[in-house]
Protein backbone atom coordinates (compact mmCIF):
# COMPACT_ATOMS: atom_id res chain seq x y z
CA MET A 1 11.27 36.44 4.06
CA LYS A 2 14.11 36.11 6.57
CA ARG A 3 16.95 33.66 5.86
CA VAL A 4 18.39 31.46 8.64
CA GLU A 5 20.77 28.49 8.60
CA PHE A 6 18.00 25.87 8.41
CA GLY A 7 15.73 27.66 5.97
CA VAL A 8 13.82 30.89 5.59
CA TYR A 9 11.03 32.44 7.58
CA LEU A 10 8.08 33.59 5.52
CA ALA A 11 5.95 36.47 6.72
CA GLU A 12 2.21 36.16 6.12
CA THR A 13 -0.21 38.96 6.95
CA MET A 14 -3.46 37.59 8.30
CA GLU A 15 -6.26 39.61 9.94
CA GLN A 16 -4.03 42.62 10.61
CA ARG A 17 -1.32 40.52 12.24
CA GLU A 18 1.88 39.11 10.86
CA GLU A 19 2.86 35.49 11.44
CA ARG A 20 6.23 33.96 10.58
CA VAL A 21 6.34 30.39 9.24
CA LEU A 22 9.47 28.33 8.52
CA LEU A 23 10.17 27.06 5.02
CA PRO A 24 12.93 24.40 5.46
CA ALA A 25 16.15 24.95 3.51
CA LYS A 26 15.58 21.98 1.16
CA GLN A 27 12.22 23.51 0.18
CA VAL A 28 13.58 26.95 -0.70
CA PRO A 29 13.56 27.46 -4.50
CA GLU A 30 16.99 28.04 -6.04
CA GLY A 31 17.66 31.73 -6.52
CA ALA A 32 14.97 32.89 -4.07
CA LYS A 33 15.81 36.25 -2.50
CA ILE A 34 14.63 38.29 0.46
CA GLY A 35 11.42 40.04 -0.53
CA ASP A 36 10.34 37.43 -3.08
CA ALA A 37 6.75 36.19 -2.91
CA LEU A 38 6.37 32.41 -2.73
CA THR A 39 3.32 30.16 -3.03
CA VAL A 40 3.41 27.56 -0.26
CA PHE A 41 1.21 25.09 1.58
CA LEU A 42 0.97 25.35 5.39
CA TYR A 43 0.59 22.35 7.70
CA ARG A 44 1.90 21.09 11.04
CA ASP A 45 5.09 18.99 11.19
CA SER A 46 5.81 15.94 13.38
CA GLU A 47 6.40 18.25 16.36
CA ASP A 48 3.08 20.03 15.75
CA ARG A 49 4.77 23.24 14.54
CA LEU A 50 3.27 25.24 11.70
CA ILE A 51 5.54 24.79 8.69
CA ALA A 52 5.54 25.68 4.98
CA THR A 53 6.31 23.58 1.92
CA THR A 54 6.56 24.33 -1.78
CA ARG A 55 5.35 20.80 -2.54
CA GLU A 56 1.77 20.47 -3.70
CA PRO A 57 -0.19 17.97 -1.58
CA LYS A 58 -2.42 15.40 -3.25
CA LEU A 59 -5.41 16.76 -1.34
CA MET A 60 -6.55 20.32 -0.57
CA MET A 61 -9.30 21.66 1.69
CA GLY A 62 -12.74 21.28 0.10
CA GLU A 63 -11.60 18.52 -2.28
CA THR A 64 -11.65 14.72 -2.24
CA ALA A 65 -8.79 12.43 -3.24
CA LEU A 66 -7.89 8.76 -3.31
CA LEU A 67 -4.90 8.31 -0.97
CA THR A 68 -2.83 5.27 -0.03
CA VAL A 69 -2.61 4.02 3.57
CA ALA A 70 1.06 4.21 4.57
CA GLN A 71 0.77 3.08 8.21
CA VAL A 72 -1.84 1.91 10.69
CA GLY A 73 -1.30 2.74 14.37
CA LYS A 74 -3.10 2.52 17.70
CA ILE A 75 -5.10 5.70 17.18
CA GLY A 76 -5.71 5.59 13.44
CA ALA A 77 -4.10 5.37 10.04
CA PHE A 78 -1.62 7.58 8.20
CA LEU A 79 -2.00 8.41 4.53
CA ASP A 80 0.55 9.36 1.89
CA TRP A 81 -0.51 12.75 0.57
CA GLY A 82 2.76 13.83 -1.00
CA LEU A 83 4.28 15.66 1.97
CA GLU A 84 7.02 14.62 4.40
CA LYS A 85 4.54 14.12 7.23
CA ASP A 86 1.77 11.62 6.45
CA LEU A 87 -1.85 12.69 6.87
CA PHE A 88 -3.61 11.37 9.97
CA LEU A 89 -6.90 9.48 9.53
CA PRO A 90 -8.44 8.90 13.00
CA PHE A 91 -10.36 5.69 13.67
CA LYS A 92 -13.57 7.64 14.28
CA GLN A 93 -13.29 9.15 10.78
CA GLN A 94 -12.93 5.76 9.06
CA ARG A 95 -15.62 3.80 7.23
CA GLY A 96 -14.71 0.18 7.88
CA LYS A 97 -11.25 -1.22 8.63
CA VAL A 98 -8.31 0.03 6.56
CA SER A 99 -4.96 -1.69 6.03
CA VAL A 100 -1.52 -0.67 4.75
CA GLY A 101 -1.63 -0.35 0.96
CA ASP A 102 -5.37 0.28 0.78
CA GLN A 103 -6.56 3.25 -1.24
CA VAL A 104 -9.21 5.31 0.55
CA LEU A 105 -11.32 8.23 -0.59
CA VAL A 106 -10.95 11.10 1.89
CA ALA A 107 -11.42 14.81 2.46
CA LEU A 108 -9.65 17.24 4.80
CA TYR A 109 -10.90 18.81 8.02
CA VAL A 110 -9.32 20.77 10.89
CA ASP A 111 -9.48 19.00 14.25
CA LYS A 112 -9.83 20.54 17.72
CA SER A 113 -6.04 20.98 17.92
CA ASP A 114 -6.01 23.03 14.69
CA ARG A 115 -4.37 20.20 12.73
CA LEU A 116 -5.27 19.02 9.25
CA CYS A 117 -6.68 15.48 9.34
CA ALA A 118 -8.42 13.16 6.91
CA THR A 119 -11.98 11.88 7.02
CA MET A 120 -13.76 9.23 4.98
CA ASN A 121 -17.03 11.11 5.54
CA VAL A 122 -16.78 12.86 2.20
CA TYR A 123 -20.44 13.68 1.44
CA ARG A 124 -20.11 17.44 1.97
CA ASN A 125 -17.01 17.65 -0.19
CA LEU A 126 -18.40 15.91 -3.27
CA ARG A 127 -19.43 18.07 -6.20
CA SER A 128 -22.89 18.32 -7.78
CA ASP A 129 -21.85 19.68 -11.18
CA SER A 130 -21.10 16.43 -13.00
CA PRO A 131 -21.16 16.37 -16.83
CA TYR A 132 -23.37 13.27 -16.89
CA LYS A 133 -26.97 12.92 -18.04
CA LYS A 134 -29.74 10.31 -17.91
CA ASP A 135 -28.74 6.83 -19.16
CA ASP A 136 -25.00 7.62 -19.17
CA ARG A 137 -22.76 4.86 -17.79
CA VAL A 138 -20.51 5.95 -14.95
CA ASN A 139 -17.98 4.47 -12.52
CA GLY A 140 -18.36 5.25 -8.84
CA ARG A 141 -16.82 4.27 -5.52
CA VAL A 142 -19.12 3.24 -2.65
CA TYR A 143 -18.20 5.36 0.39
CA GLU A 144 -21.21 4.74 2.65
CA LEU A 145 -23.99 2.17 2.97
CA SER A 146 -27.34 3.04 4.52
CA ASP A 147 -30.12 0.61 5.46
CA ASN A 148 -32.63 3.40 4.83
CA PHE A 149 -31.30 5.07 1.68
CA GLY A 150 -29.03 2.66 -0.17
CA ALA A 151 -25.43 3.14 -1.30
CA PHE A 152 -23.76 6.55 -1.41
CA VAL A 153 -21.31 6.72 -4.29
CA ALA A 154 -18.56 9.09 -5.43
CA VAL A 155 -18.65 9.08 -9.23
CA ASP A 156 -15.11 9.54 -10.61
CA ASP A 157 -14.18 9.99 -6.91
CA ARG A 158 -15.56 13.54 -7.03
CA TYR A 159 -19.28 13.72 -7.90
CA SER A 160 -22.09 13.00 -5.45
CA ALA A 161 -24.46 10.13 -6.27
CA LEU A 162 -26.86 7.70 -4.63
CA ILE A 163 -27.94 4.21 -5.60
CA PRO A 164 -31.37 3.93 -3.92
CA LYS A 165 -32.03 0.77 -1.97
CA LYS A 166 -34.53 -0.43 -4.59
CA GLU A 167 -31.84 -0.17 -7.30
CA LEU A 168 -29.18 -2.21 -5.50
CA TYR A 169 -28.28 -5.59 -6.97
CA GLY A 170 -25.83 -8.29 -5.98
CA GLU A 171 -22.90 -7.65 -3.64
CA VAL A 172 -22.23 -4.00 -2.85
CA GLU A 173 -19.35 -3.27 -0.45
CA LEU A 174 -17.66 -0.20 0.99
CA GLY A 175 -14.80 0.95 -1.22
CA LYS A 176 -15.96 -1.09 -4.20
CA VAL A 177 -15.99 0.61 -7.61
CA LEU A 178 -19.23 -0.04 -9.47
CA THR A 179 -20.38 0.59 -13.01
CA ALA A 180 -23.84 2.14 -12.93
CA ARG A 181 -26.45 3.84 -15.07
CA VAL A 182 -27.64 7.39 -14.42
CA VAL A 183 -31.36 7.17 -13.71
CA LYS A 184 -31.90 10.89 -13.17
CA LEU A 185 -30.34 14.14 -11.99
CA GLN A 186 -31.75 15.53 -8.74
CA GLU A 187 -32.73 19.21 -8.54
CA ASP A 188 -29.52 19.94 -6.63
CA GLY A 189 -27.41 18.33 -9.38
CA ARG A 190 -26.61 15.13 -7.51
CA LEU A 191 -26.90 11.88 -9.46
CA GLU A 192 -29.30 9.01 -8.88
CA LEU A 193 -27.90 5.74 -10.16
CA SER A 194 -28.88 2.14 -10.75
CA ILE A 195 -26.66 -0.91 -11.10
CA ARG A 196 -29.57 -2.76 -12.68
CA GLU A 197 -30.09 -2.83 -16.40
CA LYS A 198 -33.30 -1.54 -17.95
CA PRO A 199 -36.13 -4.01 -17.11
CA ALA A 200 -36.04 -6.12 -20.30
CA GLN A 201 -32.24 -6.27 -20.27
CA GLN A 202 -32.17 -7.09 -16.55
CA ILE A 203 -34.53 -10.08 -17.00
CA GLU A 204 -32.29 -11.39 -19.77
CA LYS A 205 -29.19 -10.92 -17.64
CA ASP A 206 -30.84 -12.67 -14.67
CA ALA A 207 -31.98 -15.56 -16.90
CA GLU A 208 -28.40 -16.07 -18.07
CA LYS A 209 -27.24 -16.05 -14.47
CA ILE A 210 -29.78 -18.76 -13.55
CA LEU A 211 -28.60 -20.95 -16.45
CA LYS A 212 -25.00 -20.66 -15.24
CA LEU A 213 -26.15 -21.46 -11.71
CA LEU A 214 -27.96 -24.54 -13.01
CA ASP A 215 -24.74 -25.69 -14.65
CA SER A 216 -22.91 -25.32 -11.32
CA TYR A 217 -25.63 -27.44 -9.67
CA GLU A 218 -25.25 -30.14 -12.36
CA GLY A 219 -28.49 -29.12 -14.04
CA SER A 220 -30.88 -29.00 -11.08
CA LEU A 221 -31.48 -26.26 -8.51
CA PRO A 222 -32.68 -27.63 -5.14
CA PHE A 223 -35.36 -24.91 -4.82
CA THR A 224 -38.01 -23.15 -6.91
CA ASP A 225 -39.42 -19.64 -7.14
CA LYS A 226 -41.66 -20.57 -4.18
CA ALA A 227 -38.67 -20.74 -1.84
CA PRO A 228 -38.35 -18.15 0.95
CA PRO A 229 -36.93 -14.78 -0.27
CA GLU A 230 -33.83 -15.10 1.91
CA VAL A 231 -32.95 -18.47 0.34
CA ILE A 232 -33.31 -17.09 -3.18
CA THR A 233 -31.26 -13.99 -2.40
CA HIS A 234 -28.52 -16.01 -0.69
CA GLU A 235 -28.22 -18.45 -3.58
CA THR A 236 -28.68 -16.09 -6.54
CA GLY A 237 -28.11 -12.51 -5.36
CA MET A 238 -31.58 -11.66 -6.74
CA SER A 239 -34.79 -10.65 -5.03
CA LYS A 240 -37.63 -13.17 -5.14
CA ASN A 241 -39.48 -11.08 -7.76
CA GLU A 242 -36.40 -10.82 -9.97
CA PHE A 243 -35.88 -14.57 -9.72
CA LYS A 244 -39.51 -15.29 -10.59
CA ARG A 245 -39.40 -13.03 -13.65
CA ALA A 246 -36.21 -14.66 -14.94
CA VAL A 247 -37.52 -18.17 -14.27
CA GLY A 248 -40.71 -17.22 -16.13
CA ARG A 249 -38.64 -16.11 -19.11
CA LEU A 250 -36.69 -19.39 -19.17
CA LEU A 251 -39.85 -21.45 -18.77
CA LYS A 252 -41.55 -19.60 -21.65
CA GLU A 253 -38.48 -20.20 -23.83
CA GLY A 254 -38.62 -23.92 -22.98
CA LYS A 255 -35.14 -23.95 -21.40
CA ILE A 256 -36.15 -25.28 -17.96
CA LEU A 257 -38.65 -27.51 -16.20
CA ILE A 258 -40.08 -26.70 -12.76
CA GLY A 259 -40.83 -29.53 -10.33
CA GLU A 260 -42.32 -29.40 -6.85
CA LYS A 261 -38.94 -28.86 -5.19
CA ASN A 262 -36.47 -28.13 -7.95
CA ILE A 263 -35.77 -26.40 -11.26
CA ARG A 264 -34.11 -28.47 -13.99
CA ILE A 265 -32.56 -27.76 -17.35
CA ARG A 266 -34.75 -29.16 -20.10
């Protein structure tokens, strides 16, 4: 450690070479002396110089963290990660549009210029050692949607999980936090989830939803379970099969009547 007017230079031995890095004066611990060992975090400042800080950032390499968008510029966004210089999140590393004040789940990577940047492509950084087991209820943030696979979710913002396409229900959006049920643990430890209830409970829940929908339509839905699937999904958020099962339950319980073109409350 070498002291100068604007801070101290720290010497770090790396791969048989010694590199000096500045620790600004306001970051130097009180009472620190030449020869003392300090634990610091290295990053590049606003002038792209390697610099040290004794502050602990909110995100470290190999981890994921929920960070707040501080600014949005022409080339990307900047996130508050607890250091003087905000963390850069390039447009090409974003999943959907972000705005100032948004909280986004990100990981760190080193770009081609040897700078630390953020990415919303967090799959590789999520852990597979969750404490959860089958039928546990968990909270997870949707970080990617796939037409082929379903919704990729970060449980507790740290554990890797998937809601298969067949288990999706209602509106699922990027960044949304969902409550789900653990269906099973994959061999690699990753979680498979469902936002549906168990079959009997799901039918009951769907039946209640249809009754509320009937109330909003003044007691008569302008379609039946023979309507095209897209109409049913648009109006109810259910698949055609789910709608038919729930309607069957209500009909059996004597709560509705089904006409040629409508469903009415009895």
